[in-house]
Amino acid sequence: MSKVAVVYYSGTGNTEKMAQAVAAGAEGAGAEVTTLTCDAFAGTDVTNYDAVAFGCPAMGAEVLEETTFEPMFTEAEGLLSGKKVAIFGSYGWGDGQWMRDWQDRCIADGITLVDDGLIANNEPDDEALAACEALGAKLA
């Protein structure tokens, strides 16, 4: 049984809903899942898991949340080689550039993503939540 962590930051609850759907998909595929907010997860904790999904909404000028999420992800980055990784998040403006930048950053770091970064505009609809569940299943 693979061990999966779903780690997220959510200001409005939209990315949290996505995280719950990713976790449900991984559990449905047989994984042992731990869901945590980014302030309850140290970047070095990734060594305890076979796969990790990171969720963060677009902030400011389409960047990752800078106070708690960015430092945690930066700490984890160098430890993700050889692990299955997924990234997801919601946005309320722009066109998803923060996710393309984040995906490019992961690839440049040698991180193997199980799929392209998954985004939802504002509150995730049924289609977005189904995509989150499918992403979780890929992680498992």
Protein backbone atom coordinates (compact mmCIF):
# COMPACT_ATOMS: atom_id res chain seq x y z
CA MET A 1 0.00 0.00 0.00
CA SER A 2 1.47 3.34 -0.99
CA LYS A 3 1.61 6.21 1.46
CA VAL A 4 0.32 9.49 0.02
CA ALA A 5 0.40 12.97 1.55
CA VAL A 6 -1.96 15.69 0.34
CA VAL A 7 -0.52 19.02 1.50
CA TYR A 8 -2.29 22.29 0.78
CA TYR A 9 -2.81 25.96 1.52
CA SER A 10 -6.32 27.37 1.18
CA GLY A 11 -7.46 30.90 1.91
CA THR A 12 -11.10 30.63 0.82
CA GLY A 13 -11.70 26.88 1.02
CA ASN A 14 -11.57 26.25 -2.75
CA THR A 15 -8.16 24.56 -2.74
CA GLU A 16 -9.17 22.67 0.42
CA LYS A 17 -12.13 21.17 -1.47
CA MET A 18 -9.75 20.14 -4.23
CA ALA A 19 -7.39 18.58 -1.65
CA GLN A 20 -10.22 16.54 -0.16
CA ALA A 21 -11.13 15.24 -3.64
CA VAL A 22 -7.48 14.34 -4.41
CA ALA A 23 -7.31 12.47 -1.08
CA ALA A 24 -10.58 10.65 -1.80
CA GLY A 25 -9.26 9.54 -5.20
CA ALA A 26 -6.02 8.22 -3.71
CA GLU A 27 -7.90 6.41 -0.93
CA GLY A 28 -10.30 4.93 -3.47
CA ALA A 29 -7.30 3.54 -5.35
CA GLY A 30 -6.02 1.85 -2.19
CA ALA A 31 -3.48 4.32 -0.81
CA GLU A 32 -2.99 5.23 2.82
CA VAL A 33 -3.59 9.00 2.75
CA THR A 34 -2.64 11.78 5.14
CA THR A 35 -4.12 15.24 4.43
CA LEU A 36 -2.40 18.25 6.02
CA THR A 37 -2.29 22.01 5.71
CA CYS A 38 1.12 23.31 4.67
CA ASP A 39 1.78 24.82 8.10
CA ALA A 40 1.43 21.34 9.66
CA PHE A 41 3.89 19.79 7.18
CA ALA A 42 7.64 20.29 7.11
CA GLY A 43 9.26 20.00 3.70
CA THR A 44 11.48 17.21 5.04
CA ASP A 45 8.33 15.20 5.85
CA VAL A 46 8.16 14.16 2.18
CA THR A 47 10.67 11.42 2.99
CA ASN A 48 7.88 9.59 4.88
CA TYR A 49 5.68 9.22 1.77
CA ASP A 50 5.75 7.43 -1.58
CA ALA A 51 3.77 10.19 -3.26
CA VAL A 52 2.82 13.79 -2.46
CA ALA A 53 0.15 16.10 -3.85
CA PHE A 54 0.71 19.81 -3.26
CA GLY A 55 -2.17 22.26 -3.51
CA CYS A 56 -1.86 26.04 -3.53
CA PRO A 57 -4.06 28.75 -5.03
CA ALA A 58 -2.77 31.62 -7.15
CA MET A 59 -1.82 34.55 -4.94
CA GLY A 60 -0.89 38.15 -5.70
CA ALA A 61 0.59 38.41 -9.18
CA GLU A 62 -0.02 34.71 -9.85
CA VAL A 63 2.51 33.25 -7.41
CA LEU A 64 2.42 30.56 -4.72
CA GLU A 65 1.36 31.67 -1.23
CA GLU A 66 4.59 33.20 0.11
CA THR A 67 4.35 33.06 3.92
CA THR A 68 3.84 29.35 4.67
CA PHE A 69 3.43 27.39 1.42
CA GLU A 70 6.45 28.67 -0.55
CA PRO A 71 9.00 28.05 2.27
CA MET A 72 7.60 24.55 2.90
CA PHE A 73 7.66 23.67 -0.83
CA THR A 74 11.18 25.08 -1.25
CA GLU A 75 12.34 22.85 1.62
CA ALA A 76 10.66 19.80 0.02
CA GLU A 77 11.84 20.42 -3.56
CA GLY A 78 15.24 18.77 -3.28
CA LEU A 79 13.77 15.66 -1.65
CA LEU A 80 11.10 14.85 -4.25
CA SER A 81 13.29 13.00 -6.75
CA GLY A 82 11.97 9.48 -7.32
CA LYS A 83 8.57 10.23 -5.78
CA LYS A 84 5.24 10.59 -7.52
CA VAL A 85 4.18 14.24 -7.28
CA ALA A 86 1.03 16.14 -8.23
CA ILE A 87 0.27 19.85 -8.06
CA PHE A 88 -3.12 21.57 -8.02
CA GLY A 89 -4.89 24.76 -6.99
CA SER A 90 -7.60 27.29 -7.64
CA TYR A 91 -7.44 30.80 -9.03
CA GLY A 92 -9.78 33.75 -9.34
CA TRP A 93 -8.05 35.93 -11.93
CA GLY A 94 -5.53 35.59 -14.74
CA ASP A 95 -5.25 32.46 -16.83
CA GLY A 96 -3.39 30.00 -14.63
CA GLN A 97 0.14 31.31 -15.25
CA TRP A 98 1.15 30.51 -11.66
CA MET A 99 0.46 26.83 -12.32
CA ARG A 100 2.47 26.80 -15.55
CA ASP A 101 5.35 28.50 -13.70
CA TRP A 102 5.09 26.00 -10.82
CA GLN A 103 5.00 23.06 -13.24
CA ASP A 104 8.06 24.39 -15.10
CA ARG A 105 9.85 24.83 -11.76
CA CYS A 106 9.13 21.20 -10.80
CA ILE A 107 10.35 19.88 -14.15
CA ALA A 108 13.52 22.01 -13.92
CA ASP A 109 14.12 20.48 -10.46
CA GLY A 110 13.85 16.96 -11.88
CA ILE A 111 10.53 16.27 -10.13
CA THR A 112 8.35 13.71 -11.89
CA LEU A 113 4.77 14.96 -12.03
CA VAL A 114 2.09 12.29 -12.51
CA ASP A 115 0.09 14.77 -14.63
CA ASP A 116 -0.03 18.42 -15.61
CA GLY A 117 -0.85 20.89 -12.85
CA LEU A 118 -4.60 20.85 -12.21
CA ILE A 119 -6.44 24.16 -11.84
CA ALA A 120 -10.00 25.22 -11.00
CA ASN A 121 -11.40 28.69 -11.50
CA ASN A 122 -12.75 29.85 -8.12
CA GLU A 123 -14.83 27.15 -6.41
CA PRO A 124 -14.22 23.75 -8.05
CA ASP A 125 -17.27 22.43 -9.89
CA ASP A 126 -18.22 18.75 -10.23
CA GLU A 127 -15.96 18.36 -13.28
CA ALA A 128 -12.97 19.86 -11.45
CA LEU A 129 -13.60 17.68 -8.38
CA ALA A 130 -13.78 14.57 -10.58
CA ALA A 131 -10.44 15.59 -12.14
CA CYS A 132 -9.01 15.96 -8.61
CA GLU A 133 -10.17 12.45 -7.72
CA ALA A 134 -8.57 11.09 -10.90
CA LEU A 135 -5.33 12.89 -10.01
CA GLY A 136 -5.38 11.28 -6.56
CA ALA A 137 -5.90 7.86 -8.12
CA LYS A 138 -2.84 8.43 -10.36
CA LEU A 139 -0.77 9.19 -7.27
CA ALA A 140 -1.82 5.96 -5.58
